[in-house]
C-alpha atoms as a PDB file:
ATOM      1  CA  MET A   1      91.126 129.243 -45.071  1.00  0.00           C
ATOM      2  CA  LYS A   2      88.278 131.190 -43.443  1.00  0.00           C
ATOM      3  CA  LYS A   3      84.963 130.556 -45.953  1.00  0.00           C
ATOM      4  CA  ILE A   4      83.838 127.706 -48.272  1.00  0.00           C
ATOM      5  CA  GLY A   5      81.337 127.216 -50.908  1.00  0.00           C
ATOM      6  CA  VAL A   6      79.813 124.125 -52.066  1.00  0.00           C
ATOM      7  CA  VAL A   7      78.131 123.510 -55.515  1.00  0.00           C
ATOM      8  CA  THR A   8      75.845 120.781 -56.709  1.00  0.00           C
ATOM      9  CA  THR A   9      75.839 120.681 -60.640  1.00  0.00           C
ATOM     10  CA  GLY A  10      74.852 118.234 -63.324  1.00  0.00           C
ATOM     11  CA  GLY A  11      72.484 115.440 -62.757  1.00  0.00           C
ATOM     12  CA  ASP A  12      71.477 114.743 -58.861  1.00  0.00           C
ATOM     13  CA  ALA A  13      72.420 111.582 -57.452  1.00  0.00           C
ATOM     14  CA  PRO A  14      71.034 110.011 -53.974  1.00  0.00           C
ATOM     15  CA  GLY A  15      73.344 110.751 -51.434  1.00  0.00           C
ATOM     16  CA  THR A  16      74.068 114.399 -52.398  1.00  0.00           C
ATOM     17  CA  ASN A  17      72.201 116.028 -49.634  1.00  0.00           C
ATOM     18  CA  ALA A  18      74.849 113.562 -46.998  1.00  0.00           C
ATOM     19  CA  ALA A  19      77.675 115.134 -48.856  1.00  0.00           C
ATOM     20  CA  ILE A  20      76.447 118.613 -48.348  1.00  0.00           C
ATOM     21  CA  ARG A  21      75.779 117.692 -44.708  1.00  0.00           C
ATOM     22  CA  ALA A  22      79.371 116.175 -44.087  1.00  0.00           C
ATOM     23  CA  ILE A  23      80.739 119.253 -45.660  1.00  0.00           C
ATOM     24  CA  VAL A  24      78.894 122.029 -43.638  1.00  0.00           C
ATOM     25  CA  ARG A  25      79.478 120.093 -40.691  1.00  0.00           C
ATOM     26  CA  THR A  26      83.313 118.992 -41.160  1.00  0.00           C
ATOM     27  CA  ALA A  27      83.868 122.929 -41.862  1.00  0.00           C
ATOM     28  CA  HIS A  28      82.333 123.963 -38.962  1.00  0.00           C
ATOM     29  CA  SER A  29      84.070 121.895 -36.659  1.00  0.00           C
ATOM     30  CA  MET A  30      87.124 123.701 -37.995  1.00  0.00           C
ATOM     31  CA  ASN A  31      86.008 126.881 -37.375  1.00  0.00           C
ATOM     32  CA  LEU A  32      84.976 127.582 -41.340  1.00  0.00           C
ATOM     33  CA  GLU A  33      82.016 129.504 -42.882  1.00  0.00           C
ATOM     34  CA  THR A  34      79.835 127.410 -45.232  1.00  0.00           C
ATOM     35  CA  VAL A  35      77.678 128.917 -48.058  1.00  0.00           C
ATOM     36  CA  GLY A  36      75.758 127.064 -50.835  1.00  0.00           C
ATOM     37  CA  PHE A  37      75.421 128.304 -54.454  1.00  0.00           C
ATOM     38  CA  GLN A  38      72.198 127.215 -55.633  1.00  0.00           C
ATOM     39  CA  ARG A  39      70.759 125.686 -58.865  1.00  0.00           C
ATOM     40  CA  GLY A  40      74.712 124.486 -59.705  1.00  0.00           C
ATOM     41  CA  TRP A  41      76.654 126.934 -61.961  1.00  0.00           C
ATOM     42  CA  GLU A  42      73.888 129.041 -62.575  1.00  0.00           C
ATOM     43  CA  GLY A  43      73.902 130.049 -58.899  1.00  0.00           C
ATOM     44  CA  VAL A  44      77.470 130.633 -59.068  1.00  0.00           C
ATOM     45  CA  MET A  45      77.517 133.016 -61.909  1.00  0.00           C
ATOM     46  CA  SER A  46      74.523 135.044 -60.279  1.00  0.00           C
ATOM     47  CA  ASN A  47      75.488 134.636 -56.757  1.00  0.00           C
ATOM     48  CA  ASP A  48      72.711 132.889 -55.848  1.00  0.00           C
ATOM     49  CA  SER A  49      73.564 131.846 -52.404  1.00  0.00           C
ATOM     50  CA  LYS A  50      72.792 131.125 -48.973  1.00  0.00           C
ATOM     51  CA  PRO A  51      74.897 130.344 -45.706  1.00  0.00           C
ATOM     52  CA  LEU A  52      74.763 126.851 -44.515  1.00  0.00           C
ATOM     53  CA  THR A  53      74.971 126.197 -40.683  1.00  0.00           C
ATOM     54  CA  PRO A  54      74.827 122.565 -38.620  1.00  0.00           C
ATOM     55  CA  ARG A  55      71.014 123.307 -38.349  1.00  0.00           C
ATOM     56  CA  SER A  56      70.477 123.976 -41.962  1.00  0.00           C
ATOM     57  CA  VAL A  57      71.839 120.781 -42.622  1.00  0.00           C
ATOM     58  CA  GLY A  58      69.929 118.601 -40.679  1.00  0.00           C
ATOM     59  CA  GLY A  59      67.364 116.247 -41.525  1.00  0.00           C
ATOM     60  CA  ILE A  60      69.041 115.932 -45.140  1.00  0.00           C
ATOM     61  CA  LEU A  61      70.789 112.803 -44.410  1.00  0.00           C
ATOM     62  CA  GLN A  62      68.162 110.315 -45.816  1.00  0.00           C
ATOM     63  CA  LEU A  63      66.734 112.786 -48.344  1.00  0.00           C
ATOM     64  CA  GLY A  64      67.275 112.267 -52.200  1.00  0.00           C
ATOM     65  CA  GLY A  65      67.915 115.253 -54.583  1.00  0.00           C
ATOM     66  CA  THR A  66      69.852 118.066 -53.295  1.00  0.00           C
ATOM     67  CA  ILE A  67      68.661 120.866 -50.782  1.00  0.00           C
ATOM     68  CA  LEU A  68      70.807 123.397 -53.089  1.00  0.00           C
ATOM     69  CA  HIS A  69      69.108 121.896 -56.397  1.00  0.00           C
ATOM     70  CA  THR A  70      71.238 121.882 -59.543  1.00  0.00           C
ATOM     71  CA  SER A  71      71.130 122.646 -63.451  1.00  0.00           C
ATOM     72  CA  ARG A  72      72.807 122.271 -66.074  1.00  0.00           C
ATOM     73  CA  SER A  73      74.302 125.810 -67.946  1.00  0.00           C
ATOM     74  CA  ARG A  74      75.326 126.537 -71.420  1.00  0.00           C
ATOM     75  CA  GLU A  75      76.485 129.840 -70.487  1.00  0.00           C
ATOM     76  CA  PHE A  76      78.779 128.636 -68.047  1.00  0.00           C
ATOM     77  CA  GLU A  77      80.367 126.381 -70.976  1.00  0.00           C
ATOM     78  CA  THR A  78      81.341 129.765 -72.139  1.00  0.00           C
ATOM     79  CA  LYS A  79      84.705 132.224 -71.459  1.00  0.00           C
ATOM     80  CA  LYS A  80      82.000 134.961 -70.567  1.00  0.00           C
ATOM     81  CA  GLY A  81      80.084 132.187 -68.175  1.00  0.00           C
ATOM     82  CA  ILE A  82      83.471 131.123 -66.379  1.00  0.00           C
ATOM     83  CA  ARG A  83      84.653 134.435 -65.777  1.00  0.00           C
ATOM     84  CA  LYS A  84      81.091 135.656 -64.038  1.00  0.00           C
ATOM     85  CA  ALA A  85      81.553 132.993 -62.121  1.00  0.00           C
ATOM     86  CA  ALA A  86      85.136 133.577 -60.957  1.00  0.00           C
ATOM     87  CA  LYS A  87      83.992 136.930 -60.306  1.00  0.00           C
ATOM     88  CA  THR A  88      81.345 136.023 -58.125  1.00  0.00           C
ATOM     89  CA  LEU A  89      83.926 133.921 -56.001  1.00  0.00           C
ATOM     90  CA  SER A  90      85.987 137.176 -55.598  1.00  0.00           C
ATOM     91  CA  GLN A  91      83.396 138.894 -54.308  1.00  0.00           C
ATOM     92  CA  THR A  92      81.844 136.722 -51.971  1.00  0.00           C
ATOM     93  CA  GLY A  93      85.147 136.103 -49.952  1.00  0.00           C
ATOM     94  CA  VAL A  94      85.347 132.473 -50.868  1.00  0.00           C
ATOM     95  CA  ASP A  95      88.610 130.876 -50.312  1.00  0.00           C
ATOM     96  CA  GLY A  96      87.758 127.047 -51.700  1.00  0.00           C
ATOM     97  CA  LEU A  97      84.658 125.931 -53.194  1.00  0.00           C
ATOM     98  CA  VAL A  98      83.510 122.138 -53.379  1.00  0.00           C
ATOM     99  CA  VAL A  99      82.211 120.919 -56.457  1.00  0.00           C
ATOM    100  CA  ILE A 100      79.981 117.938 -56.194  1.00  0.00           C
ATOM    101  CA  GLY A 101      78.703 116.338 -59.567  1.00  0.00           C
ATOM    102  CA  GLY A 102      80.147 113.860 -62.217  1.00  0.00           C
ATOM    103  CA  ASP A 103      82.658 114.094 -65.015  1.00  0.00           C
ATOM    104  CA  GLY A 104      80.912 117.154 -66.622  1.00  0.00           C
ATOM    105  CA  SER A 105      80.772 118.873 -63.744  1.00  0.00           C
ATOM    106  CA  PHE A 106      84.668 118.721 -62.698  1.00  0.00           C
ATOM    107  CA  ARG A 107      85.343 119.639 -66.344  1.00  0.00           C
ATOM    108  CA  GLY A 108      83.876 122.609 -65.636  1.00  0.00           C
ATOM    109  CA  ALA A 109      85.447 122.949 -62.260  1.00  0.00           C
ATOM    110  CA  CYS A 110      88.908 122.633 -64.110  1.00  0.00           C
ATOM    111  CA  ASP A 111      87.926 125.868 -66.533  1.00  0.00           C
ATOM    112  CA  LEU A 112      86.800 127.811 -63.596  1.00  0.00           C
ATOM    113  CA  SER A 113      90.245 127.263 -61.566  1.00  0.00           C
ATOM    114  CA  LYS A 114      91.848 128.394 -64.613  1.00  0.00           C
ATOM    115  CA  GLU A 115      89.992 132.010 -64.367  1.00  0.00           C
ATOM    116  CA  SER A 116      89.691 131.974 -60.451  1.00  0.00           C
ATOM    117  CA  ASN A 117      92.507 131.589 -57.513  1.00  0.00           C
ATOM    118  CA  VAL A 118      90.263 129.932 -55.353  1.00  0.00           C
ATOM    119  CA  LEU A 119      90.646 126.436 -54.225  1.00  0.00           C
ATOM    120  CA  ILE A 120      88.504 124.063 -55.826  1.00  0.00           C
ATOM    121  CA  VAL A 121      87.966 120.170 -54.640  1.00  0.00           C
ATOM    122  CA  GLY A 122      85.450 117.681 -56.472  1.00  0.00           C
ATOM    123  CA  VAL A 123      83.274 115.261 -54.720  1.00  0.00           C
ATOM    124  CA  PRO A 124      82.122 112.432 -57.348  1.00  0.00           C
ATOM    125  CA  ALA A 125      78.196 111.739 -57.449  1.00  0.00           C
ATOM    126  CA  THR A 126      76.584 110.335 -60.321  1.00  0.00           C
ATOM    127  CA  ILE A 127      74.617 107.218 -60.694  1.00  0.00           C
ATOM    128  CA  ASP A 128      76.497 106.451 -63.720  1.00  0.00           C
ATOM    129  CA  ASN A 129      79.878 105.436 -61.757  1.00  0.00           C
ATOM    130  CA  ASP A 130      82.139 106.679 -64.970  1.00  0.00           C
ATOM    131  CA  VAL A 131      84.413 109.606 -62.945  1.00  0.00           C
ATOM    132  CA  TYR A 132      87.702 108.058 -63.361  1.00  0.00           C
ATOM    133  CA  GLY A 133      89.898 107.993 -60.186  1.00  0.00           C
ATOM    134  CA  THR A 134      87.282 106.415 -57.600  1.00  0.00           C
ATOM    135  CA  ASP A 135      86.148 102.951 -57.764  1.00  0.00           C
ATOM    136  CA  GLU A 136      82.674 104.186 -56.874  1.00  0.00           C
ATOM    137  CA  THR A 137      80.590 107.760 -56.808  1.00  0.00           C
ATOM    138  CA  ILE A 138      77.823 108.633 -54.788  1.00  0.00           C
ATOM    139  CA  GLY A 139      74.383 107.508 -55.482  1.00  0.00           C
ATOM    140  CA  PHE A 140      75.679 104.294 -57.534  1.00  0.00           C
ATOM    141  CA  ASP A 141      74.729 101.846 -55.006  1.00  0.00           C
ATOM    142  CA  THR A 142      71.440 103.537 -54.415  1.00  0.00           C
ATOM    143  CA  ALA A 143      70.807 103.805 -58.299  1.00  0.00           C
ATOM    144  CA  VAL A 144      71.888 100.044 -58.651  1.00  0.00           C
ATOM    145  CA  ASN A 145      69.374  98.822 -55.737  1.00  0.00           C
ATOM    146  CA  THR A 146      66.576 100.806 -57.283  1.00  0.00           C
ATOM    147  CA  ALA A 147      67.299  98.986 -60.395  1.00  0.00           C
ATOM    148  CA  VAL A 148      67.573  95.467 -59.278  1.00  0.00           C
ATOM    149  CA  ALA A 149      64.156  96.165 -56.942  1.00  0.00           C
ATOM    150  CA  GLU A 150      62.335  96.566 -60.265  1.00  0.00           C
ATOM    151  CA  ILE A 151      64.136  94.507 -62.566  1.00  0.00           C
ATOM    152  CA  ASP A 152      63.119  91.403 -59.868  1.00  0.00           C
ATOM    153  CA  LYS A 153      59.323  92.354 -59.842  1.00  0.00           C
ATOM    154  CA  ILE A 154      59.606  92.366 -63.746  1.00  0.00           C
ATOM    155  CA  ARG A 155      61.037  89.203 -63.070  1.00  0.00           C
ATOM    156  CA  ASP A 156      57.815  87.664 -61.780  1.00  0.00           C
ATOM    157  CA  THR A 157      55.728  88.764 -64.576  1.00  0.00           C
ATOM    158  CA  ALA A 158      57.968  87.822 -67.199  1.00  0.00           C
ATOM    159  CA  ILE A 159      58.431  84.062 -65.783  1.00  0.00           C
ATOM    160  CA  SER A 160      54.475  84.291 -65.197  1.00  0.00           C
ATOM    161  CA  HIS A 161      53.773  85.152 -68.718  1.00  0.00           C
ATOM    162  CA  GLU A 162      56.785  83.602 -70.377  1.00  0.00           C
ATOM    163  CA  ARG A 163      57.412  86.427 -72.163  1.00  0.00           C
ATOM    164  CA  THR A 164      61.302  88.370 -72.728  1.00  0.00           C
ATOM    165  CA  PHE A 165      61.412  91.910 -71.242  1.00  0.00           C
ATOM    166  CA  ILE A 166      63.857  94.488 -72.292  1.00  0.00           C
ATOM    167  CA  VAL A 167      64.362  96.348 -69.119  1.00  0.00           C
ATOM    168  CA  GLU A 168      66.059  99.748 -70.359  1.00  0.00           C
ATOM    169  CA  VAL A 169      68.382 101.488 -67.189  1.00  0.00           C
ATOM    170  CA  MET A 170      69.873 105.157 -67.308  1.00  0.00           C
ATOM    171  CA  GLY A 171      73.289 105.312 -69.315  1.00  0.00           C
ATOM    172  CA  ARG A 172      73.520 107.282 -72.350  1.00  0.00           C
ATOM    173  CA  ASN A 173      77.373 106.333 -72.912  1.00  0.00           C
ATOM    174  CA  ARG A 174      79.115 104.292 -70.174  1.00  0.00           C
ATOM    175  CA  GLY A 175      77.371 100.771 -69.234  1.00  0.00           C
ATOM    176  CA  PHE A 176      78.222 100.847 -65.209  1.00  0.00           C
ATOM    177  CA  LEU A 177      74.685 100.783 -64.124  1.00  0.00           C
ATOM    178  CA  ALA A 178      73.360  98.251 -66.242  1.00  0.00           C
ATOM    179  CA  LEU A 179      76.308  95.770 -65.906  1.00  0.00           C
ATOM    180  CA  THR A 180      76.345  95.898 -62.249  1.00  0.00           C
ATOM    181  CA  ALA A 181      72.054  95.862 -62.276  1.00  0.00           C
ATOM    182  CA  GLY A 182      72.017  93.066 -64.816  1.00  0.00           C
ATOM    183  CA  LEU A 183      74.906  91.036 -63.020  1.00  0.00           C
ATOM    184  CA  THR A 184      73.534  91.217 -59.634  1.00  0.00           C
ATOM    185  CA  SER A 185      69.582  90.434 -61.221  1.00  0.00           C
ATOM    186  CA  GLY A 186      70.501  87.341 -63.053  1.00  0.00           C
ATOM    187  CA  ALA A 187      69.728  89.231 -66.358  1.00  0.00           C
ATOM    188  CA  GLU A 188      70.415  86.584 -69.460  1.00  0.00           C
ATOM    189  CA  ILE A 189      71.784  89.362 -71.435  1.00  0.00           C
ATOM    190  CA  ILE A 190      73.336  92.912 -70.586  1.00  0.00           C
ATOM    191  CA  ILE A 191      74.115  95.390 -73.434  1.00  0.00           C
ATOM    192  CA  VAL A 192      76.378  98.218 -72.882  1.00  0.00           C
ATOM    193  CA  PRO A 193      77.518 101.269 -74.911  1.00  0.00           C
ATOM    194  CA  GLU A 194      81.317 100.196 -74.575  1.00  0.00           C
ATOM    195  CA  ILE A 195      80.783  96.797 -76.311  1.00  0.00           C
ATOM    196  CA  LYS A 196      78.680  97.106 -79.835  1.00  0.00           C
ATOM    197  CA  THR A 197      76.776  93.903 -79.867  1.00  0.00           C
ATOM    198  CA  LYS A 198      74.904  92.707 -82.658  1.00  0.00           C
ATOM    199  CA  ASN A 199      71.010  91.954 -82.772  1.00  0.00           C
ATOM    200  CA  GLU A 200      72.163  88.740 -84.522  1.00  0.00           C
ATOM    201  CA  THR A 201      74.409  87.739 -81.604  1.00  0.00           C
ATOM    202  CA  ILE A 202      71.296  88.439 -78.941  1.00  0.00           C
ATOM    203  CA  ILE A 203      69.216  86.254 -81.151  1.00  0.00           C
ATOM    204  CA  GLN A 204      71.553  83.303 -81.282  1.00  0.00           C
ATOM    205  CA  THR A 205      71.786  83.623 -77.129  1.00  0.00           C
ATOM    206  CA  MET A 206      68.114  83.641 -76.969  1.00  0.00           C
ATOM    207  CA  ARG A 207      67.877  80.495 -79.056  1.00  0.00           C
ATOM    208  CA  GLU A 208      70.164  78.465 -77.437  1.00  0.00           C
ATOM    209  CA  ASN A 209      68.334  79.300 -74.125  1.00  0.00           C
ATOM    210  CA  GLN A 210      65.386  78.882 -75.881  1.00  0.00           C
ATOM    211  CA  ARG A 211      67.090  75.278 -76.443  1.00  0.00           C
ATOM    212  CA  LYS A 212      67.727  74.839 -72.440  1.00  0.00           C
ATOM    213  CA  GLY A 213      64.319  75.155 -71.913  1.00  0.00           C
ATOM    214  CA  LYS A 214      64.310  78.719 -70.585  1.00  0.00           C
ATOM    215  CA  LYS A 215      60.749  80.023 -71.308  1.00  0.00           C
ATOM    216  CA  SER A 216      61.675  83.676 -70.257  1.00  0.00           C
ATOM    217  CA  SER A 217      64.186  86.288 -70.463  1.00  0.00           C
ATOM    218  CA  ILE A 218      65.424  89.746 -68.748  1.00  0.00           C
ATOM    219  CA  VAL A 219      67.514  91.563 -70.980  1.00  0.00           C
ATOM    220  CA  VAL A 220      69.225  94.599 -69.507  1.00  0.00           C
ATOM    221  CA  LYS A 221      70.061  97.269 -71.800  1.00  0.00           C
ATOM    222  CA  ALA A 222      71.699 100.933 -70.980  1.00  0.00           C
ATOM    223  CA  GLU A 223      70.314 103.691 -72.857  1.00  0.00           C
ATOM    224  CA  GLY A 224      72.704 104.812 -75.339  1.00  0.00           C
ATOM    225  CA  ALA A 225      73.238 101.150 -76.335  1.00  0.00           C
ATOM    226  CA  GLY A 226      70.720 101.138 -79.576  1.00  0.00           C
ATOM    227  CA  ASP A 227      67.175 100.666 -80.020  1.00  0.00           C
ATOM    228  CA  ALA A 228      64.849  98.848 -77.716  1.00  0.00           C
ATOM    229  CA  ARG A 229      62.320  98.903 -79.979  1.00  0.00           C
ATOM    230  CA  ALA A 230      63.674  97.188 -83.011  1.00  0.00           C
ATOM    231  CA  LEU A 231      65.746  94.806 -80.898  1.00  0.00           C
ATOM    232  CA  ALA A 232      61.782  93.965 -79.537  1.00  0.00           C
ATOM    233  CA  ARG A 233      60.844  93.692 -82.970  1.00  0.00           C
ATOM    234  CA  GLU A 234      63.426  91.353 -84.029  1.00  0.00           C
ATOM    235  CA  ILE A 235      63.011  89.088 -81.222  1.00  0.00           C
ATOM    236  CA  GLU A 236      59.223  88.855 -81.612  1.00  0.00           C
ATOM    237  CA  THR A 237      59.761  88.274 -85.562  1.00  0.00           C
ATOM    238  CA  ARG A 238      62.642  85.698 -85.512  1.00  0.00           C
ATOM    239  CA  LEU A 239      62.088  83.591 -82.183  1.00  0.00           C
ATOM    240  CA  GLY A 240      57.917  84.311 -81.982  1.00  0.00           C
ATOM    241  CA  SER A 241      58.448  85.586 -78.302  1.00  0.00           C
ATOM    242  CA  GLU A 242      56.640  87.946 -76.587  1.00  0.00           C
ATOM    243  CA  VAL A 243      58.339  90.895 -75.734  1.00  0.00           C
ATOM    244  CA  ARG A 244      57.443  93.715 -73.631  1.00  0.00           C
ATOM    245  CA  ILE A 245      59.924  96.984 -72.963  1.00  0.00           C
ATOM    246  CA  SER A 246      60.508  98.422 -69.207  1.00  0.00           C
ATOM    247  CA  VAL A 247      62.016 101.771 -69.301  1.00  0.00           C
ATOM    248  CA  LEU A 248      63.196 102.577 -65.682  1.00  0.00           C
ATOM    249  CA  GLY A 249      63.648 106.171 -66.040  1.00  0.00           C
ATOM    250  CA  TYR A 250      64.479 109.120 -63.722  1.00  0.00           C
ATOM    251  CA  ALA A 251      63.067 106.882 -60.613  1.00  0.00           C
ATOM    252  CA  GLN A 252      66.936 105.602 -60.850  1.00  0.00           C
ATOM    253  CA  ARG A 253      68.118 108.914 -59.826  1.00  0.00           C
ATOM    254  CA  GLY A 254      65.926 109.790 -57.163  1.00  0.00           C
ATOM    255  CA  GLY A 255      64.997 108.215 -53.381  1.00  0.00           C
ATOM    256  CA  SER A 256      66.718 107.641 -50.320  1.00  0.00           C
ATOM    257  CA  PRO A 257      70.021 107.042 -50.359  1.00  0.00           C
ATOM    258  CA  THR A 258      71.242 103.662 -49.269  1.00  0.00           C
ATOM    259  CA  ALA A 259      73.277 103.174 -46.124  1.00  0.00           C
ATOM    260  CA  ARG A 260      76.339 102.717 -48.806  1.00  0.00           C
ATOM    261  CA  SER A 261      75.764 105.866 -50.668  1.00  0.00           C
ATOM    262  CA  ARG A 262      75.787 107.750 -47.284  1.00  0.00           C
ATOM    263  CA  LEU A 263      78.958 106.499 -45.939  1.00  0.00           C
ATOM    264  CA  LEU A 264      80.421 107.672 -49.059  1.00  0.00           C
ATOM    265  CA  ALA A 265      79.278 110.767 -49.007  1.00  0.00           C
ATOM    266  CA  SER A 266      80.054 111.411 -45.333  1.00  0.00           C
ATOM    267  CA  LEU A 267      83.881 110.319 -46.215  1.00  0.00           C
ATOM    268  CA  PHE A 268      84.068 112.235 -49.262  1.00  0.00           C
ATOM    269  CA  GLY A 269      82.219 115.283 -48.150  1.00  0.00           C
ATOM    270  CA  ASN A 270      84.693 115.048 -44.790  1.00  0.00           C
ATOM    271  CA  LYS A 271      87.711 114.509 -47.308  1.00  0.00           C
ATOM    272  CA  ALA A 272      87.258 117.401 -49.387  1.00  0.00           C
ATOM    273  CA  VAL A 273      87.289 120.041 -46.466  1.00  0.00           C
ATOM    274  CA  ASP A 274      90.168 118.443 -45.297  1.00  0.00           C
ATOM    275  CA  LEU A 275      91.979 118.834 -48.624  1.00  0.00           C
ATOM    276  CA  LEU A 276      91.137 122.465 -48.649  1.00  0.00           C
ATOM    277  CA  LEU A 277      92.303 123.317 -45.328  1.00  0.00           C
ATOM    278  CA  LYS A 278      95.733 121.573 -46.562  1.00  0.00           C
ATOM    279  CA  GLY A 279      95.435 124.261 -49.224  1.00  0.00           C
ATOM    280  CA  GLN A 280      95.279 121.438 -52.149  1.00  0.00           C
ATOM    281  CA  ASP A 281      93.835 122.478 -55.392  1.00  0.00           C
ATOM    282  CA  ASN A 282      92.539 121.021 -58.194  1.00  0.00           C
ATOM    283  CA  LYS A 283      92.110 117.456 -56.762  1.00  0.00           C
ATOM    284  CA  ILE A 284      88.857 115.141 -56.538  1.00  0.00           C
ATOM    285  CA  VAL A 285      87.876 112.790 -53.828  1.00  0.00           C
ATOM    286  CA  GLY A 286      87.832 108.985 -54.653  1.00  0.00           C
ATOM    287  CA  LEU A 287      87.875 105.716 -53.198  1.00  0.00           C
ATOM    288  CA  GLN A 288      90.585 103.269 -54.661  1.00  0.00           C
ATOM    289  CA  ASN A 289      90.866  99.700 -53.241  1.00  0.00           C
ATOM    290  CA  GLY A 290      88.853 100.368 -50.182  1.00  0.00           C
ATOM    291  CA  GLN A 291      90.384 103.498 -49.363  1.00  0.00           C
ATOM    292  CA  ILE A 292      89.992 107.437 -49.224  1.00  0.00           C
ATOM    293  CA  SER A 293      91.947 108.590 -52.038  1.00  0.00           C
ATOM    294  CA  THR A 294      92.535 111.859 -54.313  1.00  0.00           C
ATOM    295  CA  LEU A 295      93.635 112.589 -57.448  1.00  0.00           C
ATOM    296  CA  SER A 296      94.514 115.310 -59.830  1.00  0.00           C
ATOM    297  CA  MET A 297      91.390 117.037 -61.260  1.00  0.00           C
ATOM    298  CA  GLU A 298      92.725 117.332 -64.473  1.00  0.00           C
ATOM    299  CA  LYS A 299      93.698 113.892 -64.943  1.00  0.00           C
ATOM    300  CA  SER A 300      89.937 112.270 -64.019  1.00  0.00           C
ATOM    301  CA  CYS A 301      88.517 114.560 -66.690  1.00  0.00           C
ATOM    302  CA  HIS A 302      90.639 113.638 -69.497  1.00  0.00           C
ATOM    303  CA  THR A 303      90.716 109.975 -68.508  1.00  0.00           C
ATOM    304  CA  THR A 304      88.600 107.874 -69.031  1.00  0.00           C
ATOM    305  CA  LYS A 305      87.161 105.011 -66.515  1.00  0.00           C
ATOM    306  CA  PRO A 306      87.283 101.415 -68.174  1.00  0.00           C
ATOM    307  CA  LEU A 307      84.517  99.225 -67.851  1.00  0.00           C
ATOM    308  CA  ASP A 308      85.432  95.758 -65.803  1.00  0.00           C
ATOM    309  CA  LEU A 309      84.494  93.436 -68.813  1.00  0.00           C
ATOM    310  CA  ASN A 310      85.377  90.649 -66.469  1.00  0.00           C
ATOM    311  CA  LEU A 311      81.908  91.218 -64.848  1.00  0.00           C
ATOM    312  CA  LEU A 312      80.391  90.706 -68.051  1.00  0.00           C
ATOM    313  CA  LEU A 313      82.116  87.535 -68.564  1.00  0.00           C
ATOM    314  CA  LEU A 314      81.062  86.568 -65.119  1.00  0.00           C
ATOM    315  CA  ALA A 315      77.517  87.300 -66.135  1.00  0.00           C
ATOM    316  CA  ASN A 316      77.018  85.754 -69.124  1.00  0.00           C
ATOM    317  CA  VAL A 317      78.694  82.286 -67.298  1.00  0.00           C
ATOM    318  CA  LEU A 318      75.769  82.760 -64.257  1.00  0.00           C
ATOM    319  CA  ALA A 319      73.090  83.172 -67.087  1.00  0.00           C
ATOM    320  CA  THR A 320      73.665  79.597 -68.766  1.00  0.00           C
END
């Protein structure tokens, strides 16, 4: 192992730069050369890369986004694209590749590993926290804190005007962010894609809250869990409540990473280089029961990470 590559793919997550920094500086301490492929898989296919040194990653620990940039590549989803990427890795003399991203990134990495002899290790970084094999991903804690800070502010207005607010957070298919942000912000109702929640159930809960004397409510909803506008209209029609919708959007993906996200990024990046040096291939780094762990990338890609429904039950109890 003489030369490793780093690529950031898919959606950005706070702490990605901290992971790049940890990978480069750990590799340098082991006398390894590091190159960074730019703009995700597009950069791997086109060999758009640059050398990374301890100095070039200085001052990025606290930055959101990714200095390598990222993109989603349709071409990489084809056999032709995979072969182009494999050819680039061979031509550049890369012995190992660290892929920083989410489950979609790792599925692409699994396909690439079948066409290339380069060792590949995955570092999970996504605000969705939906990667199987790790209790937490880089960026999740930051996104939760961003959402909670905004919900706390919205709560002030909801109480002042005695309104219901539907706060939509990111999460097209999974509800980890909505559940954690909803629980920790004291939301009265949390709606996630994993559980089909009928509007009638929501109406009944809100009606019961009104009987208890609650004059305002916060509903935290994952973006993929139904139509916020339709729900708002039904609440207004049936309960006579004034409803507002607040979509938090891409702010959740940006910003300076929390200490927690920086810590995970540093630990994951260091472990990724260690795995490559030991000749371990097709692995992802993770956190399980408070310990840094590894898991087969294939198993991670083909296993659905379960949502902790006990947290949803707890949220319902605490919202009474």
